[in-house]
Amino acid sequence: MKRHRKHAVALVLALVGLGIRAQSSPVARLLVPMDQSQHNHLKAYGLAWFALSRGDDVRWLLGHRGGSFLLDSNSNIVARSRLQGVTVEPISLSGSLALLEAIESSERETVLLEKAPEIAVYTPPHKLPWDDAVTLALAYADIPYATVWDDEVLSGELDRYDWLHLHHEDFTGQLGKFHSSHGHSPWYEQERKRQNEAAARLGFETVPDLKRAVTRSIRGYVEEGGFLFAMCSATETLDVALAATKTDIADLPYDGSPPSATANEELDFLATFAFDGFTIETNAAVNSVSSIDVEQVNNPRLKKTTMDFRLFDFAPRYDPVAAMLVQNHVSRVRGFYGQTTSYRRDLIKDSVVILGDVAGTNRVRYLHGNRGAGTFTFLGGHDPEDKQHLVHDRPTDLNLHPNSPGYRLILNNVLFPAARKKKLKT
C-alpha cells in the first residue's frame, strides 16, 4: 500500500514539474488533435486562445498529429469545444505524462503557451472593396482583436499590443497603383480623399510622407519586441517604403504621371525587413510596385500562373520557432494570388528563414525573420481559399473551409507570441 502511495506521489510531482494540474477526475486533460481527424482546425485555435484567456495550461505539441494542443479538462472547455464543433480527446493523468515523455524523447517539442496575446490589426476605419483574410480568421475562430490606423500608430498605441497584422495596405502611398484601372471608381475617389485628409490632419504634406512615418513606427514597434505579421501587398510595400526614405520614389502623384528619374537611386536596404537589392517599378500604368514579386499578377506583359507551395519540415526540437509557424495537417498549400503573391528568392536577405516555397522555382511564399528584439512573418497572397480575389468579390465564408491549411498558417502566427520564448537554432 505504501509503495502504491509513493508511486502516486511521484506521479503527481512529475506532472507538476511538467505543468500539468492534478485533478480528482481520471480525465485531467483534453487533447485537441490537429491532424486529419480534426473536424474544425480553425476554431481549434480559438479554443486554445479561450483556454489561455482563462489562465488555463495550454501546451502546443509541435510535430505531434499536426501540431496538437493539450488543454486542461474542465466544463467550460468541454462545453465550448462542443459548441464550436472542435474535436477533442479526453486523456488521463497517466496518459498525459506518457504522451509528454514520448514527445520529450523524440525530435518533437512541447511548447508552453503562457498568455493570450493582445492583438491589433492595422486596417482602415472604413470598408474597402476587398476584405482581409486575417480579420476573417480571427472572427471565425472567436479571437478578439483591436483595430488601429495611422493615428494610433503614430501616437504610440502599438505598445499596447503583442501582435500586429498589416492589412493589405500600399505603404508607398500610391493606393495600390489602381489609378489606371479604378481611377474613376467611387471607392477609389473616396479613399484618395480620405488619405489626403488624414495626411493633412496629421501634419504631413503628402500621403507618401504619412505612410513613410507609419512604416518607421511599425519598424520601431518590432525592434522593441513586437510580433509583426503581414500578407499580400503590405509585405512588399512596407519594405519599398522603408528603403525609399532617401528618395522621392513614394511621391508618385495619383494621376499616374511618371515618377522622378532618381526612383531607383540611393535605396536604403539596411532599413528593410526582408528584402535586399530590389528595384522600383517606375511605370505608373503597371500595378506592380517593385521587382520583389515573381508573379507580377497585374502586369499585362506577364502570364498569370499560380502554383501550390510546400511547407518546409522543421525539426521542432531544433527549430521550435519555425516549426510553430508551419504546423499543419498537410505539407502542401494550394496556390492563391494577391497583389503581391511570391517573393524572389534572390532578393531575400540571408538572415531570413524561408518557411514555404514553390519547389524548383525562384518563388518563396512564406518567410520569417528577426528585427531587433522582435520578429516579422510575411505570407504572400490575399486569401488562401480564393485563388484570385478581385475588387468587390464577396468575403470568403470560412464555414465552408474549416480545415483550410492556408488559414492555419495565419492562426499559427496568432498564437506564436503566446509561446514561452525559445531560441531559433538555425
Foldseek 3Di string as FASTA:
>chain_A
DVVVVVVVVVLCVVCVVVVQDDDPDQQFKKKQAFAPVWPFNLLQLLLQLVQQAVQWKWKFWFPPRLTIIITTDDPVSVVVCVVLVTDIDGHGSVRVVVVQVVCVVDLIDIWIQHHQWAEEEADDPDDFLFDFQLVVSCVSNVNDYYYDYLVCLLVPVLVVGQEYEYGLDQLLQQRLLCCLPCVPPPRNVVVLVVLQVVCVVVPHPGSNVSSLSSLVSVLVSQQVAHEYEYEANCLVNSQLSQQCPVDCLSVDDNNQDFDDPCQFPRGHNVRGDWFADKGADRRSNQSQGIPFAPQSPRGVVGDHDWAKKFFDDDRCNQFVLLSLLQRHNDGIAGAAAHNGAFGQQVGTDPQKAQGMAHPPDRTGAKIKHGHNNGIYIYGYHGHSVHRYDDRNDDDDDCVVPSRHSVSVSSSSSSSSSSTDDDDGRD
